[in-house]
């Protein structure tokens, strides 16, 4: 069975009503990004950070997958599909995708501030000061903040190297190390890039670009991949 690897970004979730950092003037809901998405911001004002992610979590819980998420989930009927996402929501899982790697963490999980291996599913949307791990330390959002390592990057690279086709959707390929995954795709492997604001990619071999919203582009690309697969059988 052919393997499809997908790198998804904020653009696909935007069509489900989840706001993106890129389109909000460098602010997240009126906050400087380093105040709510960095270890320094956490140490300065953990209550602000907790409230910020509580609101994001509350929004994500009510969000519904769009057709872009759905067509990716449906690819599993004919292909082995791995989704590598920069998004922290669970819309891919809600749509039915079974193999999702979250590069930047997950909103619905929290972790210990003294032992990063202690990770818990959060029941509901609210994490408060005084909520402790089993070792007695404050719990924090299970999010990869600016300046922190991306622990799932090695797994993402391994999956990317095995791709028979590589789809990038809803990301401008400006955020590293995620954007660097494209360099691990073989030259002979078809690459489909879907985003209204595509960066210059003239150096990328076997590239197919779709400067359009995620839902429209994914419908087009997934139909093409399924059609190509049928013609080879």
C-alpha atoms as a PDB file:
ATOM      1  CA  UNK A   1       0.000   0.000   0.000  1.00  0.00           C
ATOM      2  CA  UNK A   2       1.378   3.420  -0.988  1.00  0.00           C
ATOM      3  CA  UNK A   3       2.270   5.844   1.785  1.00  0.00           C
ATOM      4  CA  UNK A   4       0.976   9.438   1.836  1.00  0.00           C
ATOM      5  CA  UNK A   5       2.541  11.887   4.286  1.00  0.00           C
ATOM      6  CA  UNK A   6       0.777  15.188   4.986  1.00  0.00           C
ATOM      7  CA  UNK A   7       2.212  18.271   6.690  1.00  0.00           C
ATOM      8  CA  UNK A   8      -0.664  20.451   7.870  1.00  0.00           C
ATOM      9  CA  UNK A   9      -0.664  23.950   9.328  1.00  0.00           C
ATOM     10  CA  UNK A  10      -3.001  26.571  10.705  1.00  0.00           C
ATOM     11  CA  UNK A  11      -4.695  27.209   7.358  1.00  0.00           C
ATOM     12  CA  UNK A  12      -6.655  23.965   7.477  1.00  0.00           C
ATOM     13  CA  UNK A  13      -7.975  24.673  10.989  1.00  0.00           C
ATOM     14  CA  UNK A  14      -8.828  28.267  10.051  1.00  0.00           C
ATOM     15  CA  UNK A  15     -11.629  26.957   7.844  1.00  0.00           C
ATOM     16  CA  UNK A  16     -13.138  25.382  10.971  1.00  0.00           C
ATOM     17  CA  UNK A  17     -13.113  28.755  12.738  1.00  0.00           C
ATOM     18  CA  UNK A  18      -9.851  28.450  14.663  1.00  0.00           C
ATOM     19  CA  UNK A  19      -7.905  31.692  14.305  1.00  0.00           C
ATOM     20  CA  UNK A  20      -4.311  31.655  13.061  1.00  0.00           C
ATOM     21  CA  UNK A  21      -1.316  33.561  14.388  1.00  0.00           C
ATOM     22  CA  UNK A  22      -0.215  34.444  10.879  1.00  0.00           C
ATOM     23  CA  UNK A  23      -3.400  36.401  10.139  1.00  0.00           C
ATOM     24  CA  UNK A  24      -3.674  38.319  13.405  1.00  0.00           C
ATOM     25  CA  UNK A  25      -0.963  40.964  13.125  1.00  0.00           C
ATOM     26  CA  UNK A  26       1.595  39.106  15.242  1.00  0.00           C
ATOM     27  CA  UNK A  27      -0.772  38.981  18.204  1.00  0.00           C
ATOM     28  CA  UNK A  28      -2.738  36.075  19.614  1.00  0.00           C
ATOM     29  CA  UNK A  29      -6.042  37.430  20.875  1.00  0.00           C
ATOM     30  CA  UNK A  30      -4.356  40.735  21.782  1.00  0.00           C
ATOM     31  CA  UNK A  31      -1.302  39.119  23.445  1.00  0.00           C
ATOM     32  CA  UNK A  32       2.304  39.330  22.365  1.00  0.00           C
ATOM     33  CA  UNK A  33       3.219  35.802  21.306  1.00  0.00           C
ATOM     34  CA  UNK A  34       6.213  35.585  23.653  1.00  0.00           C
ATOM     35  CA  UNK A  35       3.974  36.408  26.619  1.00  0.00           C
ATOM     36  CA  UNK A  36       1.822  33.334  26.075  1.00  0.00           C
ATOM     37  CA  UNK A  37       4.011  30.904  24.107  1.00  0.00           C
ATOM     38  CA  UNK A  38       7.444  30.896  25.708  1.00  0.00           C
ATOM     39  CA  UNK A  39       9.012  29.540  28.917  1.00  0.00           C
ATOM     40  CA  UNK A  40       9.823  33.141  29.878  1.00  0.00           C
ATOM     41  CA  UNK A  41       6.176  34.150  29.547  1.00  0.00           C
ATOM     42  CA  UNK A  42       5.151  31.182  31.675  1.00  0.00           C
ATOM     43  CA  UNK A  43       7.575  32.115  34.448  1.00  0.00           C
ATOM     44  CA  UNK A  44       6.471  35.774  34.372  1.00  0.00           C
ATOM     45  CA  UNK A  45       2.742  35.153  34.432  1.00  0.00           C
ATOM     46  CA  UNK A  46       1.567  31.528  34.514  1.00  0.00           C
ATOM     47  CA  UNK A  47      -2.030  32.588  35.191  1.00  0.00           C
ATOM     48  CA  UNK A  48      -2.128  34.581  31.934  1.00  0.00           C
ATOM     49  CA  UNK A  49      -0.716  31.625  30.001  1.00  0.00           C
ATOM     50  CA  UNK A  50      -3.183  29.187  31.553  1.00  0.00           C
ATOM     51  CA  UNK A  51      -6.111  31.467  30.741  1.00  0.00           C
ATOM     52  CA  UNK A  52      -4.904  31.925  27.167  1.00  0.00           C
ATOM     53  CA  UNK A  53      -4.770  28.191  26.515  1.00  0.00           C
ATOM     54  CA  UNK A  54      -8.011  27.593  28.374  1.00  0.00           C
ATOM     55  CA  UNK A  55      -9.727  29.895  25.890  1.00  0.00           C
ATOM     56  CA  UNK A  56      -8.021  28.189  22.925  1.00  0.00           C
ATOM     57  CA  UNK A  57      -9.022  24.809  24.316  1.00  0.00           C
ATOM     58  CA  UNK A  58     -12.607  25.874  24.844  1.00  0.00           C
ATOM     59  CA  UNK A  59     -12.782  27.099  21.241  1.00  0.00           C
ATOM     60  CA  UNK A  60     -11.212  23.917  19.853  1.00  0.00           C
ATOM     61  CA  UNK A  61     -13.585  21.632  21.765  1.00  0.00           C
ATOM     62  CA  UNK A  62     -16.547  23.094  19.901  1.00  0.00           C
ATOM     63  CA  UNK A  63     -14.823  23.232  16.495  1.00  0.00           C
ATOM     64  CA  UNK A  64     -15.956  20.815  13.789  1.00  0.00           C
ATOM     65  CA  UNK A  65     -13.668  19.235  11.172  1.00  0.00           C
ATOM     66  CA  UNK A  66     -14.075  20.651   7.678  1.00  0.00           C
ATOM     67  CA  UNK A  67     -13.996  18.879   4.326  1.00  0.00           C
ATOM     68  CA  UNK A  68     -10.203  19.179   4.225  1.00  0.00           C
ATOM     69  CA  UNK A  69      -9.865  17.098   7.379  1.00  0.00           C
ATOM     70  CA  UNK A  70     -12.470  14.669   6.062  1.00  0.00           C
ATOM     71  CA  UNK A  71     -10.859  13.995   2.687  1.00  0.00           C
ATOM     72  CA  UNK A  72      -7.541  13.298   4.401  1.00  0.00           C
ATOM     73  CA  UNK A  73      -9.223  10.803   6.709  1.00  0.00           C
ATOM     74  CA  UNK A  74     -10.889   9.147   3.717  1.00  0.00           C
ATOM     75  CA  UNK A  75      -7.485   8.623   2.056  1.00  0.00           C
ATOM     76  CA  UNK A  76      -6.905   5.853   4.604  1.00  0.00           C
ATOM     77  CA  UNK A  77      -9.326   3.682   2.626  1.00  0.00           C
ATOM     78  CA  UNK A  78      -6.721   3.357  -0.148  1.00  0.00           C
ATOM     79  CA  UNK A  79      -3.391   4.451   1.335  1.00  0.00           C
ATOM     80  CA  UNK A  80      -1.258   4.352   4.428  1.00  0.00           C
ATOM     81  CA  UNK A  81      -1.552   7.948   5.666  1.00  0.00           C
ATOM     82  CA  UNK A  82       0.503   9.806   8.243  1.00  0.00           C
ATOM     83  CA  UNK A  83      -0.432  13.374   9.135  1.00  0.00           C
ATOM     84  CA  UNK A  84       2.270  15.550  10.638  1.00  0.00           C
ATOM     85  CA  UNK A  85       0.553  18.633  11.980  1.00  0.00           C
ATOM     86  CA  UNK A  86       1.781  21.919  13.382  1.00  0.00           C
ATOM     87  CA  UNK A  87      -1.712  22.418  14.832  1.00  0.00           C
ATOM     88  CA  UNK A  88      -2.455  21.720  18.478  1.00  0.00           C
ATOM     89  CA  UNK A  89      -6.178  21.021  17.979  1.00  0.00           C
ATOM     90  CA  UNK A  90      -7.542  17.510  17.440  1.00  0.00           C
ATOM     91  CA  UNK A  91      -9.593  18.144  14.294  1.00  0.00           C
ATOM     92  CA  UNK A  92      -7.680  15.540  12.288  1.00  0.00           C
ATOM     93  CA  UNK A  93      -8.544  12.924  14.892  1.00  0.00           C
ATOM     94  CA  UNK A  94     -12.155  14.093  15.059  1.00  0.00           C
ATOM     95  CA  UNK A  95     -12.405  13.602  11.290  1.00  0.00           C
ATOM     96  CA  UNK A  96     -11.164  10.026  11.611  1.00  0.00           C
ATOM     97  CA  UNK A  97      -7.438  10.168  10.838  1.00  0.00           C
ATOM     98  CA  UNK A  98      -5.737   7.409  12.817  1.00  0.00           C
ATOM     99  CA  UNK A  99      -2.032   8.291  12.586  1.00  0.00           C
ATOM    100  CA  UNK A 100      -1.358  11.912  13.561  1.00  0.00           C
ATOM    101  CA  UNK A 101       1.969  13.321  14.777  1.00  0.00           C
ATOM    102  CA  UNK A 102       1.577  16.615  16.652  1.00  0.00           C
ATOM    103  CA  UNK A 103       4.834  18.544  16.258  1.00  0.00           C
ATOM    104  CA  UNK A 104       3.839  21.454  18.490  1.00  0.00           C
ATOM    105  CA  UNK A 105       1.922  19.603  21.185  1.00  0.00           C
ATOM    106  CA  UNK A 106      -1.754  19.057  21.919  1.00  0.00           C
ATOM    107  CA  UNK A 107      -4.284  21.358  23.536  1.00  0.00           C
ATOM    108  CA  UNK A 108      -6.154  18.528  25.232  1.00  0.00           C
ATOM    109  CA  UNK A 109      -3.052  17.330  27.053  1.00  0.00           C
ATOM    110  CA  UNK A 110      -1.135  18.825  29.973  1.00  0.00           C
ATOM    111  CA  UNK A 111       2.190  17.923  31.505  1.00  0.00           C
ATOM    112  CA  UNK A 112       4.286  18.245  34.621  1.00  0.00           C
ATOM    113  CA  UNK A 113       6.602  21.229  35.017  1.00  0.00           C
ATOM    114  CA  UNK A 114       9.293  19.089  36.698  1.00  0.00           C
ATOM    115  CA  UNK A 115       9.011  15.870  34.675  1.00  0.00           C
ATOM    116  CA  UNK A 116       8.127  16.335  31.003  1.00  0.00           C
ATOM    117  CA  UNK A 117       7.418  12.601  30.634  1.00  0.00           C
ATOM    118  CA  UNK A 118       4.347  12.961  32.862  1.00  0.00           C
ATOM    119  CA  UNK A 119       1.646  13.822  30.315  1.00  0.00           C
ATOM    120  CA  UNK A 120      -2.078  13.685  31.020  1.00  0.00           C
ATOM    121  CA  UNK A 121      -5.298  13.983  29.047  1.00  0.00           C
ATOM    122  CA  UNK A 122      -7.286  16.950  30.313  1.00  0.00           C
ATOM    123  CA  UNK A 123     -10.944  16.359  31.074  1.00  0.00           C
ATOM    124  CA  UNK A 124     -12.748  19.451  29.805  1.00  0.00           C
ATOM    125  CA  UNK A 125     -11.165  22.754  28.841  1.00  0.00           C
ATOM    126  CA  UNK A 126      -9.842  24.365  32.029  1.00  0.00           C
ATOM    127  CA  UNK A 127      -6.400  24.037  33.617  1.00  0.00           C
ATOM    128  CA  UNK A 128      -5.870  26.121  36.748  1.00  0.00           C
ATOM    129  CA  UNK A 129      -3.109  27.208  39.083  1.00  0.00           C
ATOM    130  CA  UNK A 130      -2.934  24.564  41.779  1.00  0.00           C
ATOM    131  CA  UNK A 131      -3.595  21.659  39.404  1.00  0.00           C
ATOM    132  CA  UNK A 132      -0.645  19.369  40.152  1.00  0.00           C
ATOM    133  CA  UNK A 133       1.035  16.326  38.661  1.00  0.00           C
ATOM    134  CA  UNK A 134       1.581  13.156  40.691  1.00  0.00           C
ATOM    135  CA  UNK A 135       4.955  14.534  41.827  1.00  0.00           C
ATOM    136  CA  UNK A 136       3.327  17.666  43.232  1.00  0.00           C
ATOM    137  CA  UNK A 137       4.343  20.218  40.602  1.00  0.00           C
ATOM    138  CA  UNK A 138       2.111  22.601  38.661  1.00  0.00           C
ATOM    139  CA  UNK A 139       0.718  21.279  35.398  1.00  0.00           C
ATOM    140  CA  UNK A 140       1.305  23.309  32.220  1.00  0.00           C
ATOM    141  CA  UNK A 141      -0.094  23.108  28.682  1.00  0.00           C
ATOM    142  CA  UNK A 142       1.439  20.284  26.641  1.00  0.00           C
ATOM    143  CA  UNK A 143       2.532  22.770  23.978  1.00  0.00           C
ATOM    144  CA  UNK A 144       5.949  23.264  22.379  1.00  0.00           C
ATOM    145  CA  UNK A 145       6.710  26.902  23.077  1.00  0.00           C
ATOM    146  CA  UNK A 146       9.198  29.145  21.280  1.00  0.00           C
ATOM    147  CA  UNK A 147      12.708  28.218  22.390  1.00  0.00           C
ATOM    148  CA  UNK A 148      11.795  24.625  23.290  1.00  0.00           C
ATOM    149  CA  UNK A 149      12.829  21.416  21.547  1.00  0.00           C
ATOM    150  CA  UNK A 150      10.399  19.699  19.166  1.00  0.00           C
ATOM    151  CA  UNK A 151      10.411  16.142  20.555  1.00  0.00           C
ATOM    152  CA  UNK A 152       8.387  14.561  17.719  1.00  0.00           C
ATOM    153  CA  UNK A 153      10.669  15.884  14.975  1.00  0.00           C
ATOM    154  CA  UNK A 154      12.701  12.678  14.586  1.00  0.00           C
ATOM    155  CA  UNK A 155       9.520  10.624  14.188  1.00  0.00           C
ATOM    156  CA  UNK A 156       8.245  13.124  11.612  1.00  0.00           C
ATOM    157  CA  UNK A 157      11.481  12.931   9.613  1.00  0.00           C
ATOM    158  CA  UNK A 158      11.367   9.132   9.614  1.00  0.00           C
ATOM    159  CA  UNK A 159       7.802   9.157   8.260  1.00  0.00           C
ATOM    160  CA  UNK A 160       8.665  11.785   5.647  1.00  0.00           C
ATOM    161  CA  UNK A 161      11.570   9.747   4.287  1.00  0.00           C
ATOM    162  CA  UNK A 162       9.164   6.863   3.588  1.00  0.00           C
ATOM    163  CA  UNK A 163       6.596   8.928   1.666  1.00  0.00           C
ATOM    164  CA  UNK A 164       5.397   7.916  -1.804  1.00  0.00           C
ATOM    165  CA  UNK A 165       3.662  11.305  -2.026  1.00  0.00           C
ATOM    166  CA  UNK A 166       3.970  14.363   0.204  1.00  0.00           C
ATOM    167  CA  UNK A 167       1.214  16.937   0.748  1.00  0.00           C
ATOM    168  CA  UNK A 168       1.718  20.310   2.449  1.00  0.00           C
ATOM    169  CA  UNK A 169      -1.480  22.148   3.348  1.00  0.00           C
ATOM    170  CA  UNK A 170      -2.323  25.339   5.221  1.00  0.00           C
ATOM    171  CA  UNK A 171       1.218  26.414   6.028  1.00  0.00           C
ATOM    172  CA  UNK A 172       3.475  29.036   4.474  1.00  0.00           C
ATOM    173  CA  UNK A 173       6.556  26.865   5.184  1.00  0.00           C
ATOM    174  CA  UNK A 174       8.082  29.680   7.224  1.00  0.00           C
ATOM    175  CA  UNK A 175       8.137  27.962  10.633  1.00  0.00           C
ATOM    176  CA  UNK A 176      11.122  25.723  11.350  1.00  0.00           C
ATOM    177  CA  UNK A 177      11.957  22.970  11.986  1.00  0.00           C
ATOM    178  CA  UNK A 178       8.626  21.819  10.475  1.00  0.00           C
ATOM    179  CA  UNK A 179       9.271  23.598   7.172  1.00  0.00           C
ATOM    180  CA  UNK A 180      12.522  21.664   6.828  1.00  0.00           C
ATOM    181  CA  UNK A 181      10.634  18.385   6.397  1.00  0.00           C
ATOM    182  CA  UNK A 182      10.303  19.155   2.695  1.00  0.00           C
ATOM    183  CA  UNK A 183      14.055  18.606   2.308  1.00  0.00           C
ATOM    184  CA  UNK A 184      13.698  14.992   3.473  1.00  0.00           C
ATOM    185  CA  UNK A 185      11.343  14.061   0.622  1.00  0.00           C
ATOM    186  CA  UNK A 186      13.059  12.246  -2.256  1.00  0.00           C
ATOM    187  CA  UNK A 187      13.517  14.103  -5.536  1.00  0.00           C
ATOM    188  CA  UNK A 188      11.361  11.589  -7.435  1.00  0.00           C
ATOM    189  CA  UNK A 189       8.485  11.846  -4.956  1.00  0.00           C
ATOM    190  CA  UNK A 190       5.560  14.097  -5.991  1.00  0.00           C
ATOM    191  CA  UNK A 191       5.009  17.039  -3.674  1.00  0.00           C
ATOM    192  CA  UNK A 192       1.700  18.899  -3.500  1.00  0.00           C
ATOM    193  CA  UNK A 193       1.734  22.321  -1.803  1.00  0.00           C
ATOM    194  CA  UNK A 194      -1.652  23.879  -0.960  1.00  0.00           C
ATOM    195  CA  UNK A 195      -1.794  27.398   0.483  1.00  0.00           C
ATOM    196  CA  UNK A 196      -3.102  30.789  -0.723  1.00  0.00           C
ATOM    197  CA  UNK A 197       0.248  32.420   0.173  1.00  0.00           C
ATOM    198  CA  UNK A 198       2.875  30.166  -1.332  1.00  0.00           C
ATOM    199  CA  UNK A 199       6.566  30.988  -0.788  1.00  0.00           C
ATOM    200  CA  UNK A 200       9.081  30.742  -3.676  1.00  0.00           C
ATOM    201  CA  UNK A 201       9.744  27.033  -4.190  1.00  0.00           C
ATOM    202  CA  UNK A 202      11.436  26.943  -7.601  1.00  0.00           C
ATOM    203  CA  UNK A 203      14.256  24.795  -6.217  1.00  0.00           C
ATOM    204  CA  UNK A 204      11.949  21.919  -5.177  1.00  0.00           C
ATOM    205  CA  UNK A 205      11.833  19.024  -7.693  1.00  0.00           C
ATOM    206  CA  UNK A 206       8.595  17.291  -8.732  1.00  0.00           C
ATOM    207  CA  UNK A 207       6.481  20.071  -7.227  1.00  0.00           C
ATOM    208  CA  UNK A 208       2.770  20.760  -7.824  1.00  0.00           C
ATOM    209  CA  UNK A 209       1.430  23.990  -6.322  1.00  0.00           C
ATOM    210  CA  UNK A 210      -2.173  24.919  -5.512  1.00  0.00           C
ATOM    211  CA  UNK A 211      -2.527  28.545  -4.329  1.00  0.00           C
ATOM    212  CA  UNK A 212      -5.978  28.044  -2.837  1.00  0.00           C
ATOM    213  CA  UNK A 213      -7.719  27.405   0.492  1.00  0.00           C
ATOM    214  CA  UNK A 214      -7.129  24.067   2.205  1.00  0.00           C
ATOM    215  CA  UNK A 215     -10.574  22.591   1.619  1.00  0.00           C
ATOM    216  CA  UNK A 216     -10.578  23.302  -2.120  1.00  0.00           C
ATOM    217  CA  UNK A 217      -6.973  22.297  -2.652  1.00  0.00           C
ATOM    218  CA  UNK A 218      -7.182  19.069  -0.675  1.00  0.00           C
ATOM    219  CA  UNK A 219     -10.282  17.944  -2.543  1.00  0.00           C
ATOM    220  CA  UNK A 220      -8.427  18.504  -5.822  1.00  0.00           C
ATOM    221  CA  UNK A 221      -5.175  16.866  -4.737  1.00  0.00           C
ATOM    222  CA  UNK A 222      -6.746  13.851  -3.036  1.00  0.00           C
ATOM    223  CA  UNK A 223      -8.927  13.145  -6.065  1.00  0.00           C
ATOM    224  CA  UNK A 224      -5.823  13.329  -8.285  1.00  0.00           C
ATOM    225  CA  UNK A 225      -3.844  10.969  -6.046  1.00  0.00           C
ATOM    226  CA  UNK A 226      -6.703   8.446  -5.916  1.00  0.00           C
ATOM    227  CA  UNK A 227      -7.176   8.671  -9.694  1.00  0.00           C
ATOM    228  CA  UNK A 228      -3.455   8.156 -10.343  1.00  0.00           C
ATOM    229  CA  UNK A 229      -3.495   5.143  -8.029  1.00  0.00           C
ATOM    230  CA  UNK A 230      -6.406   3.546  -9.874  1.00  0.00           C
ATOM    231  CA  UNK A 231      -4.680   4.014 -13.242  1.00  0.00           C
ATOM    232  CA  UNK A 232      -1.605   2.148 -11.950  1.00  0.00           C
ATOM    233  CA  UNK A 233      -3.617  -0.909 -10.807  1.00  0.00           C
END
